[in-house]
Amino acid sequence: PQIVLSVYGPDFFGHDVVRGYGAVHVPFVPGRHKRTIAMFVPESTSRLQQLTSWFTGRRPEFTDPKVVAQGEGREVTRVRSQGFVTVCFNVM
């Protein structure tokens, strides 16, 4: 099993936009586990699309969270690194 994170936040105009996506496998071994998840955000492929998305407040985002978890088809998607999220698991 995996946990898929989708982080959202307001932009300059107050629109709720995606700030990052990330996924991590849930550990099976009992105990406390700390995982750092690298976050990424999809980017527009052209300057015109970037300008249009900035004016409209509609930035590129994934509609299906399976894209983040599986990775299949992501090799053709342009993404930018967007920081890290640390998650702690307490497995019993």
PDB file of N, CA and C in Angstrom:
ATOM      1  N   PRO A   1       0.816  -1.208   0.000  1.00  0.00           N
ATOM      2  CA  PRO A   1       0.000   0.000   0.000  1.00  0.00           C
ATOM      3  C   PRO A   1       0.853   1.263   0.000  1.00  0.00           C
ATOM      4  N   GLN A   2       0.278   2.309  -0.553  1.00  0.00           N
ATOM      5  CA  GLN A   2       0.953   3.605  -0.636  1.00  0.00           C
ATOM      6  C   GLN A   2       0.041   4.704  -0.108  1.00  0.00           C
ATOM      7  N   ILE A   3       0.656   5.775   0.319  1.00  0.00           N
ATOM      8  CA  ILE A   3      -0.065   7.000   0.636  1.00  0.00           C
ATOM      9  C   ILE A   3       0.312   8.019  -0.426  1.00  0.00           C
ATOM     10  N   VAL A   4      -0.706   8.602  -1.049  1.00  0.00           N
ATOM     11  CA  VAL A   4      -0.504   9.635  -2.058  1.00  0.00           C
ATOM     12  C   VAL A   4      -0.896  10.972  -1.450  1.00  0.00           C
ATOM     13  N   LEU A   5       0.019  11.940  -1.512  1.00  0.00           N
ATOM     14  CA  LEU A   5      -0.243  13.277  -0.969  1.00  0.00           C
ATOM     15  C   LEU A   5      -0.508  14.256  -2.104  1.00  0.00           C
ATOM     16  N   SER A   6      -1.524  15.074  -1.929  1.00  0.00           N
ATOM     17  CA  SER A   6      -1.814  16.193  -2.817  1.00  0.00           C
ATOM     18  C   SER A   6      -1.923  17.427  -1.929  1.00  0.00           C
ATOM     19  N   VAL A   7      -0.990  18.350  -2.092  1.00  0.00           N
ATOM     20  CA  VAL A   7      -0.941  19.544  -1.250  1.00  0.00           C
ATOM     21  C   VAL A   7      -1.435  20.737  -2.071  1.00  0.00           C
ATOM     22  N   TYR A   8      -2.407  21.463  -1.509  1.00  0.00           N
ATOM     23  CA  TYR A   8      -2.981  22.631  -2.174  1.00  0.00           C
ATOM     24  C   TYR A   8      -2.787  23.868  -1.306  1.00  0.00           C
ATOM     25  N   GLY A   9      -2.773  25.032  -1.961  1.00  0.00           N
ATOM     26  CA  GLY A   9      -2.639  26.288  -1.248  1.00  0.00           C
ATOM     27  C   GLY A   9      -3.032  27.444  -2.145  1.00  0.00           C
ATOM     28  N   PRO A  10      -3.230  28.627  -1.570  1.00  0.00           N
ATOM     29  CA  PRO A  10      -3.631  29.784  -2.384  1.00  0.00           C
ATOM     30  C   PRO A  10      -2.464  30.366  -3.166  1.00  0.00           C
ATOM     31  N   ASP A  11      -2.779  30.913  -4.354  1.00  0.00           N
ATOM     32  CA  ASP A  11      -1.771  31.619  -5.133  1.00  0.00           C
ATOM     33  C   ASP A  11      -1.894  33.118  -4.875  1.00  0.00           C
ATOM     34  N   PHE A  12      -1.241  33.921  -5.677  1.00  0.00           N
ATOM     35  CA  PHE A  12      -1.222  35.376  -5.504  1.00  0.00           C
ATOM     36  C   PHE A  12      -2.621  35.989  -5.572  1.00  0.00           C
ATOM     37  N   PHE A  13      -3.502  35.385  -6.405  1.00  0.00           N
ATOM     38  CA  PHE A  13      -4.848  35.912  -6.595  1.00  0.00           C
ATOM     39  C   PHE A  13      -5.873  35.277  -5.658  1.00  0.00           C
ATOM     40  N   GLY A  14      -5.434  34.361  -4.786  1.00  0.00           N
ATOM     41  CA  GLY A  14      -6.351  33.701  -3.868  1.00  0.00           C
ATOM     42  C   GLY A  14      -6.970  32.434  -4.402  1.00  0.00           C
ATOM     43  N   HIS A  15      -6.563  31.996  -5.597  1.00  0.00           N
ATOM     44  CA  HIS A  15      -7.068  30.742  -6.157  1.00  0.00           C
ATOM     45  C   HIS A  15      -6.403  29.562  -5.446  1.00  0.00           C
ATOM     46  N   ASP A  16      -7.163  28.500  -5.240  1.00  0.00           N
ATOM     47  CA  ASP A  16      -6.626  27.289  -4.616  1.00  0.00           C
ATOM     48  C   ASP A  16      -5.931  26.464  -5.698  1.00  0.00           C
ATOM     49  N   VAL A  17      -4.592  26.385  -5.653  1.00  0.00           N
ATOM     50  CA  VAL A  17      -3.817  25.686  -6.677  1.00  0.00           C
ATOM     51  C   VAL A  17      -2.977  24.581  -6.030  1.00  0.00           C
ATOM     52  N   VAL A  18      -2.569  23.634  -6.863  1.00  0.00           N
ATOM     53  CA  VAL A  18      -1.753  22.528  -6.365  1.00  0.00           C
ATOM     54  C   VAL A  18      -0.353  23.034  -6.048  1.00  0.00           C
ATOM     55  N   ARG A  19       0.159  22.631  -4.893  1.00  0.00           N
ATOM     56  CA  ARG A  19       1.511  23.003  -4.463  1.00  0.00           C
ATOM     57  C   ARG A  19       2.480  21.840  -4.587  1.00  0.00           C
ATOM     58  N   GLY A  20       1.953  20.609  -4.676  1.00  0.00           N
ATOM     59  CA  GLY A  20       2.837  19.468  -4.849  1.00  0.00           C
ATOM     60  C   GLY A  20       2.118  18.145  -4.711  1.00  0.00           C
ATOM     61  N   TYR A  21       2.698  17.131  -5.343  1.00  0.00           N
ATOM     62  CA  TYR A  21       2.242  15.749  -5.253  1.00  0.00           C
ATOM     63  C   TYR A  21       3.408  14.889  -4.788  1.00  0.00           C
ATOM     64  N   GLY A  22       3.084  13.799  -4.122  1.00  0.00           N
ATOM     65  CA  GLY A  22       4.106  12.856  -3.701  1.00  0.00           C
ATOM     66  C   GLY A  22       3.465  11.562  -3.250  1.00  0.00           C
ATOM     67  N   ALA A  23       4.262  10.497  -3.215  1.00  0.00           N
ATOM     68  CA  ALA A  23       3.764   9.192  -2.781  1.00  0.00           C
ATOM     69  C   ALA A  23       4.871   8.457  -2.045  1.00  0.00           C
ATOM     70  N   VAL A  24       4.449   7.602  -1.092  1.00  0.00           N
ATOM     71  CA  VAL A  24       5.396   6.805  -0.326  1.00  0.00           C
ATOM     72  C   VAL A  24       4.726   5.479   0.028  1.00  0.00           C
ATOM     73  N   HIS A  25       5.528   4.409   0.053  1.00  0.00           N
ATOM     74  CA  HIS A  25       5.019   3.105   0.466  1.00  0.00           C
ATOM     75  C   HIS A  25       4.901   3.054   1.988  1.00  0.00           C
ATOM     76  N   VAL A  26       3.823   2.453   2.469  1.00  0.00           N
ATOM     77  CA  VAL A  26       3.608   2.300   3.902  1.00  0.00           C
ATOM     78  C   VAL A  26       4.432   1.110   4.385  1.00  0.00           C
ATOM     79  N   PRO A  27       5.254   1.268   5.418  1.00  0.00           N
ATOM     80  CA  PRO A  27       6.079   0.144   5.896  1.00  0.00           C
ATOM     81  C   PRO A  27       5.224  -0.937   6.557  1.00  0.00           C
ATOM     82  N   PHE A  28       5.678  -2.192   6.439  1.00  0.00           N
ATOM     83  CA  PHE A  28       4.987  -3.337   7.031  1.00  0.00           C
ATOM     84  C   PHE A  28       5.570  -3.750   8.374  1.00  0.00           C
ATOM     85  N   VAL A  29       6.793  -3.375   8.639  1.00  0.00           N
ATOM     86  CA  VAL A  29       7.498  -3.800   9.849  1.00  0.00           C
ATOM     87  C   VAL A  29       7.002  -2.979  11.038  1.00  0.00           C
ATOM     88  N   PRO A  30       6.664  -3.627  12.161  1.00  0.00           N
ATOM     89  CA  PRO A  30       6.201  -2.869  13.335  1.00  0.00           C
ATOM     90  C   PRO A  30       7.272  -1.912  13.846  1.00  0.00           C
ATOM     91  N   GLY A  31       6.804  -0.781  14.378  1.00  0.00           N
ATOM     92  CA  GLY A  31       7.704   0.223  14.929  1.00  0.00           C
ATOM     93  C   GLY A  31       7.417   1.591  14.369  1.00  0.00           C
ATOM     94  N   ARG A  32       8.287   2.525  14.724  1.00  0.00           N
ATOM     95  CA  ARG A  32       8.143   3.907  14.251  1.00  0.00           C
ATOM     96  C   ARG A  32       9.043   4.103  13.040  1.00  0.00           C
ATOM     97  N   HIS A  33       8.460   4.631  11.976  1.00  0.00           N
ATOM     98  CA  HIS A  33       9.191   4.836  10.726  1.00  0.00           C
ATOM     99  C   HIS A  33       8.998   6.271  10.270  1.00  0.00           C
ATOM    100  N   LYS A  34      10.081   6.896   9.841  1.00  0.00           N
ATOM    101  CA  LYS A  34      10.054   8.270   9.357  1.00  0.00           C
ATOM    102  C   LYS A  34      10.438   8.256   7.884  1.00  0.00           C
ATOM    103  N   ARG A  35       9.591   8.823   7.039  1.00  0.00           N
ATOM    104  CA  ARG A  35       9.844   8.854   5.600  1.00  0.00           C
ATOM    105  C   ARG A  35       9.781  10.300   5.112  1.00  0.00           C
ATOM    106  N   THR A  36      10.692  10.661   4.237  1.00  0.00           N
ATOM    107  CA  THR A  36      10.700  11.969   3.605  1.00  0.00           C
ATOM    108  C   THR A  36      10.240  11.791   2.168  1.00  0.00           C
ATOM    109  N   ILE A  37       9.204  12.529   1.800  1.00  0.00           N
ATOM    110  CA  ILE A  37       8.600  12.405   0.474  1.00  0.00           C
ATOM    111  C   ILE A  37       9.004  13.607  -0.367  1.00  0.00           C
ATOM    112  N   ALA A  38       9.612  13.338  -1.515  1.00  0.00           N
ATOM    113  CA  ALA A  38       9.941  14.408  -2.459  1.00  0.00           C
ATOM    114  C   ALA A  38       8.666  14.811  -3.189  1.00  0.00           C
ATOM    115  N   MET A  39       8.344  16.087  -3.135  1.00  0.00           N
ATOM    116  CA  MET A  39       7.124  16.588  -3.771  1.00  0.00           C
ATOM    117  C   MET A  39       7.463  17.176  -5.136  1.00  0.00           C
ATOM    118  N   PHE A  40       6.506  17.076  -6.053  1.00  0.00           N
ATOM    119  CA  PHE A  40       6.680  17.642  -7.387  1.00  0.00           C
ATOM    120  C   PHE A  40       5.357  18.228  -7.852  1.00  0.00           C
ATOM    121  N   VAL A  41       5.424  19.125  -8.821  1.00  0.00           N
ATOM    122  CA  VAL A  41       4.239  19.774  -9.368  1.00  0.00           C
ATOM    123  C   VAL A  41       4.347  19.749 -10.895  1.00  0.00           C
ATOM    124  N   PRO A  42       3.254  19.421 -11.607  1.00  0.00           N
ATOM    125  CA  PRO A  42       3.300  19.433 -13.073  1.00  0.00           C
ATOM    126  C   PRO A  42       3.450  20.854 -13.610  1.00  0.00           C
ATOM    127  N   GLU A  43       4.119  20.959 -14.757  1.00  0.00           N
ATOM    128  CA  GLU A  43       4.336  22.265 -15.370  1.00  0.00           C
ATOM    129  C   GLU A  43       3.764  22.293 -16.773  1.00  0.00           C
ATOM    130  N   SER A  44       3.433  23.486 -17.238  1.00  0.00           N
ATOM    131  CA  SER A  44       2.985  23.673 -18.610  1.00  0.00           C
ATOM    132  C   SER A  44       4.148  23.426 -19.552  1.00  0.00           C
ATOM    133  N   THR A  45       3.829  23.000 -20.782  1.00  0.00           N
ATOM    134  CA  THR A  45       4.887  22.652 -21.724  1.00  0.00           C
ATOM    135  C   THR A  45       5.360  23.839 -22.563  1.00  0.00           C
ATOM    136  N   SER A  46       4.583  24.923 -22.621  1.00  0.00           N
ATOM    137  CA  SER A  46       4.999  26.068 -23.427  1.00  0.00           C
ATOM    138  C   SER A  46       4.817  27.365 -22.642  1.00  0.00           C
ATOM    139  N   ARG A  47       5.471  28.407 -23.091  1.00  0.00           N
ATOM    140  CA  ARG A  47       5.357  29.731 -22.453  1.00  0.00           C
ATOM    141  C   ARG A  47       3.930  30.265 -22.571  1.00  0.00           C
ATOM    142  N   LEU A  48       3.274  30.002 -23.701  1.00  0.00           N
ATOM    143  CA  LEU A  48       1.904  30.471 -23.884  1.00  0.00           C
ATOM    144  C   LEU A  48       0.964  29.800 -22.878  1.00  0.00           C
ATOM    145  N   GLN A  49       1.124  28.508 -22.672  1.00  0.00           N
ATOM    146  CA  GLN A  49       0.302  27.806 -21.687  1.00  0.00           C
ATOM    147  C   GLN A  49       0.598  28.309 -20.273  1.00  0.00           C
ATOM    148  N   GLN A  50       1.857  28.597 -19.962  1.00  0.00           N
ATOM    149  CA  GLN A  50       2.210  29.137 -18.648  1.00  0.00           C
ATOM    150  C   GLN A  50       1.551  30.488 -18.420  1.00  0.00           C
ATOM    151  N   LEU A  51       1.587  31.355 -19.432  1.00  0.00           N
ATOM    152  CA  LEU A  51       0.980  32.678 -19.321  1.00  0.00           C
ATOM    153  C   LEU A  51      -0.540  32.568 -19.174  1.00  0.00           C
ATOM    154  N   THR A  52      -1.150  31.710 -19.966  1.00  0.00           N
ATOM    155  CA  THR A  52      -2.601  31.522 -19.892  1.00  0.00           C
ATOM    156  C   THR A  52      -3.016  30.972 -18.543  1.00  0.00           C
ATOM    157  N   SER A  53      -2.286  29.988 -18.022  1.00  0.00           N
ATOM    158  CA  SER A  53      -2.641  29.416 -16.726  1.00  0.00           C
ATOM    159  C   SER A  53      -2.428  30.415 -15.593  1.00  0.00           C
ATOM    160  N   TRP A  54      -1.450  31.310 -15.731  1.00  0.00           N
ATOM    161  CA  TRP A  54      -1.221  32.323 -14.703  1.00  0.00           C
ATOM    162  C   TRP A  54      -2.378  33.315 -14.661  1.00  0.00           C
ATOM    163  N   PHE A  55      -2.865  33.747 -15.853  1.00  0.00           N
ATOM    164  CA  PHE A  55      -3.975  34.693 -15.905  1.00  0.00           C
ATOM    165  C   PHE A  55      -5.297  34.080 -15.454  1.00  0.00           C
ATOM    166  N   THR A  56      -5.545  32.837 -15.825  1.00  0.00           N
ATOM    167  CA  THR A  56      -6.830  32.202 -15.505  1.00  0.00           C
ATOM    168  C   THR A  56      -6.848  31.592 -14.117  1.00  0.00           C
ATOM    169  N   GLY A  57      -5.676  31.351 -13.536  1.00  0.00           N
ATOM    170  CA  GLY A  57      -5.611  30.710 -12.224  1.00  0.00           C
ATOM    171  C   GLY A  57      -5.798  29.213 -12.291  1.00  0.00           C
ATOM    172  N   ARG A  58      -5.807  28.651 -13.482  1.00  0.00           N
ATOM    173  CA  ARG A  58      -5.965  27.205 -13.682  1.00  0.00           C
ATOM    174  C   ARG A  58      -4.624  26.614 -14.092  1.00  0.00           C
ATOM    175  N   ARG A  59      -3.889  26.111 -13.113  1.00  0.00           N
ATOM    176  CA  ARG A  59      -2.580  25.517 -13.393  1.00  0.00           C
ATOM    177  C   ARG A  59      -2.727  24.033 -13.667  1.00  0.00           C
ATOM    178  N   PRO A  60      -1.725  23.421 -14.317  1.00  0.00           N
ATOM    179  CA  PRO A  60      -1.811  21.988 -14.606  1.00  0.00           C
ATOM    180  C   PRO A  60      -1.865  21.171 -13.316  1.00  0.00           C
ATOM    181  N   GLU A  61      -2.723  20.158 -13.292  1.00  0.00           N
ATOM    182  CA  GLU A  61      -2.786  19.252 -12.157  1.00  0.00           C
ATOM    183  C   GLU A  61      -3.288  17.900 -12.630  1.00  0.00           C
ATOM    184  N   PHE A  62      -2.991  16.863 -11.857  1.00  0.00           N
ATOM    185  CA  PHE A  62      -3.432  15.516 -12.188  1.00  0.00           C
ATOM    186  C   PHE A  62      -4.872  15.332 -11.740  1.00  0.00           C
ATOM    187  N   THR A  63      -5.693  14.716 -12.594  1.00  0.00           N
ATOM    188  CA  THR A  63      -7.086  14.456 -12.229  1.00  0.00           C
ATOM    189  C   THR A  63      -7.236  13.114 -11.533  1.00  0.00           C
ATOM    190  N   ASP A  64      -6.282  12.210 -11.745  1.00  0.00           N
ATOM    191  CA  ASP A  64      -6.340  10.875 -11.157  1.00  0.00           C
ATOM    192  C   ASP A  64      -5.127  10.660 -10.252  1.00  0.00           C
ATOM    193  N   PRO A  65      -5.333  10.370  -8.960  1.00  0.00           N
ATOM    194  CA  PRO A  65      -4.184  10.173  -8.058  1.00  0.00           C
ATOM    195  C   PRO A  65      -3.364   8.926  -8.390  1.00  0.00           C
ATOM    196  N   LYS A  66      -3.890   8.021  -9.206  1.00  0.00           N
ATOM    197  CA  LYS A  66      -3.129   6.834  -9.605  1.00  0.00           C
ATOM    198  C   LYS A  66      -1.898   7.206 -10.417  1.00  0.00           C
ATOM    199  N   VAL A  67      -1.951   8.331 -11.104  1.00  0.00           N
ATOM    200  CA  VAL A  67      -0.793   8.786 -11.887  1.00  0.00           C
ATOM    201  C   VAL A  67       0.395   9.016 -10.967  1.00  0.00           C
ATOM    202  N   VAL A  68       0.154   9.572  -9.796  1.00  0.00           N
ATOM    203  CA  VAL A  68       1.223   9.849  -8.835  1.00  0.00           C
ATOM    204  C   VAL A  68       1.744   8.551  -8.241  1.00  0.00           C
ATOM    205  N   ALA A  69       0.854   7.613  -7.919  1.00  0.00           N
ATOM    206  CA  ALA A  69       1.234   6.371  -7.251  1.00  0.00           C
ATOM    207  C   ALA A  69       1.943   5.396  -8.183  1.00  0.00           C
ATOM    208  N   GLN A  70       1.487   5.267  -9.405  1.00  0.00           N
ATOM    209  CA  GLN A  70       2.033   4.248 -10.297  1.00  0.00           C
ATOM    210  C   GLN A  70       3.277   4.704 -11.040  1.00  0.00           C
ATOM    211  N   GLY A  71       3.274   5.930 -11.484  1.00  0.00           N
ATOM    212  CA  GLY A  71       4.421   6.407 -12.242  1.00  0.00           C
ATOM    213  C   GLY A  71       4.344   6.065 -13.710  1.00  0.00           C
ATOM    214  N   GLU A  72       3.397   5.201 -14.094  1.00  0.00           N
ATOM    215  CA  GLU A  72       3.257   4.821 -15.500  1.00  0.00           C
ATOM    216  C   GLU A  72       2.719   6.014 -16.294  1.00  0.00           C
ATOM    217  N   GLY A  73       3.430   6.402 -17.336  1.00  0.00           N
ATOM    218  CA  GLY A  73       3.042   7.540 -18.142  1.00  0.00           C
ATOM    219  C   GLY A  73       3.592   8.865 -17.637  1.00  0.00           C
ATOM    220  N   ARG A  74       4.217   8.860 -16.448  1.00  0.00           N
ATOM    221  CA  ARG A  74       4.765  10.108 -15.915  1.00  0.00           C
ATOM    222  C   ARG A  74       6.077  10.505 -16.576  1.00  0.00           C
ATOM    223  N   GLU A  75       6.704   9.588 -17.288  1.00  0.00           N
ATOM    224  CA  GLU A  75       7.988   9.919 -17.902  1.00  0.00           C
ATOM    225  C   GLU A  75       7.840  10.958 -19.016  1.00  0.00           C
ATOM    226  N   VAL A  76       6.630  11.146 -19.522  1.00  0.00           N
ATOM    227  CA  VAL A  76       6.406  12.149 -20.564  1.00  0.00           C
ATOM    228  C   VAL A  76       5.788  13.425 -20.001  1.00  0.00           C
ATOM    229  N   THR A  77       5.597  13.485 -18.692  1.00  0.00           N
ATOM    230  CA  THR A  77       5.010  14.649 -18.049  1.00  0.00           C
ATOM    231  C   THR A  77       6.117  15.541 -17.499  1.00  0.00           C
ATOM    232  N   ARG A  78       6.056  16.819 -17.807  1.00  0.00           N
ATOM    233  CA  ARG A  78       7.042  17.773 -17.302  1.00  0.00           C
ATOM    234  C   ARG A  78       6.656  18.175 -15.880  1.00  0.00           C
ATOM    235  N   VAL A  79       7.577  17.951 -14.936  1.00  0.00           N
ATOM    236  CA  VAL A  79       7.324  18.294 -13.530  1.00  0.00           C
ATOM    237  C   VAL A  79       8.502  19.086 -12.980  1.00  0.00           C
ATOM    238  N   ARG A  80       8.239  19.774 -11.871  1.00  0.00           N
ATOM    239  CA  ARG A  80       9.267  20.556 -11.180  1.00  0.00           C
ATOM    240  C   ARG A  80       9.280  20.129  -9.724  1.00  0.00           C
ATOM    241  N   SER A  81      10.457  19.999  -9.150  1.00  0.00           N
ATOM    242  CA  SER A  81      10.588  19.649  -7.740  1.00  0.00           C
ATOM    243  C   SER A  81      10.025  20.785  -6.891  1.00  0.00           C
ATOM    244  N   GLN A  82       9.308  20.406  -5.808  1.00  0.00           N
ATOM    245  CA  GLN A  82       8.619  21.424  -5.017  1.00  0.00           C
ATOM    246  C   GLN A  82       8.846  21.227  -3.525  1.00  0.00           C
ATOM    247  N   GLY A  83       9.948  20.644  -3.128  1.00  0.00           N
ATOM    248  CA  GLY A  83      10.244  20.512  -1.709  1.00  0.00           C
ATOM    249  C   GLY A  83       9.997  19.110  -1.179  1.00  0.00           C
ATOM    250  N   PHE A  84       9.893  19.010   0.152  1.00  0.00           N
ATOM    251  CA  PHE A  84       9.771  17.718   0.810  1.00  0.00           C
ATOM    252  C   PHE A  84       8.712  17.773   1.910  1.00  0.00           C
ATOM    253  N   VAL A  85       8.118  16.610   2.188  1.00  0.00           N
ATOM    254  CA  VAL A  85       7.196  16.438   3.301  1.00  0.00           C
ATOM    255  C   VAL A  85       7.682  15.249   4.108  1.00  0.00           C
ATOM    256  N   THR A  86       7.752  15.379   5.428  1.00  0.00           N
ATOM    257  CA  THR A  86       8.179  14.273   6.284  1.00  0.00           C
ATOM    258  C   THR A  86       6.952  13.686   6.963  1.00  0.00           C
ATOM    259  N   VAL A  87       6.841  12.355   6.887  1.00  0.00           N
ATOM    260  CA  VAL A  87       5.706  11.627   7.463  1.00  0.00           C
ATOM    261  C   VAL A  87       6.246  10.594   8.453  1.00  0.00           C
ATOM    262  N   CYS A  88       5.605  10.469   9.608  1.00  0.00           N
ATOM    263  CA  CYS A  88       5.972   9.456  10.595  1.00  0.00           C
ATOM    264  C   CYS A  88       4.867   8.407  10.675  1.00  0.00           C
ATOM    265  N   PHE A  89       5.241   7.130  10.590  1.00  0.00           N
ATOM    266  CA  PHE A  89       4.321   6.015  10.704  1.00  0.00           C
ATOM    267  C   PHE A  89       4.576   5.285  12.018  1.00  0.00           C
ATOM    268  N   ASN A  90       3.530   4.944  12.732  1.00  0.00           N
ATOM    269  CA  ASN A  90       3.600   4.068  13.898  1.00  0.00           C
ATOM    270  C   ASN A  90       2.856   2.801  13.536  1.00  0.00           C
ATOM    271  N   VAL A  91       3.593   1.757  13.193  1.00  0.00           N
ATOM    272  CA  VAL A  91       3.010   0.502  12.724  1.00  0.00           C
ATOM    273  C   VAL A  91       2.967  -0.481  13.874  1.00  0.00           C
ATOM    274  N   MET A  92       1.809  -1.120  14.042  1.00  0.00           N
ATOM    275  CA  MET A  92       1.659  -2.131  15.103  1.00  0.00           C
ATOM    276  C   MET A  92       1.563  -3.507  14.501  1.00  0.00           C
TER     277      MET A  92
END
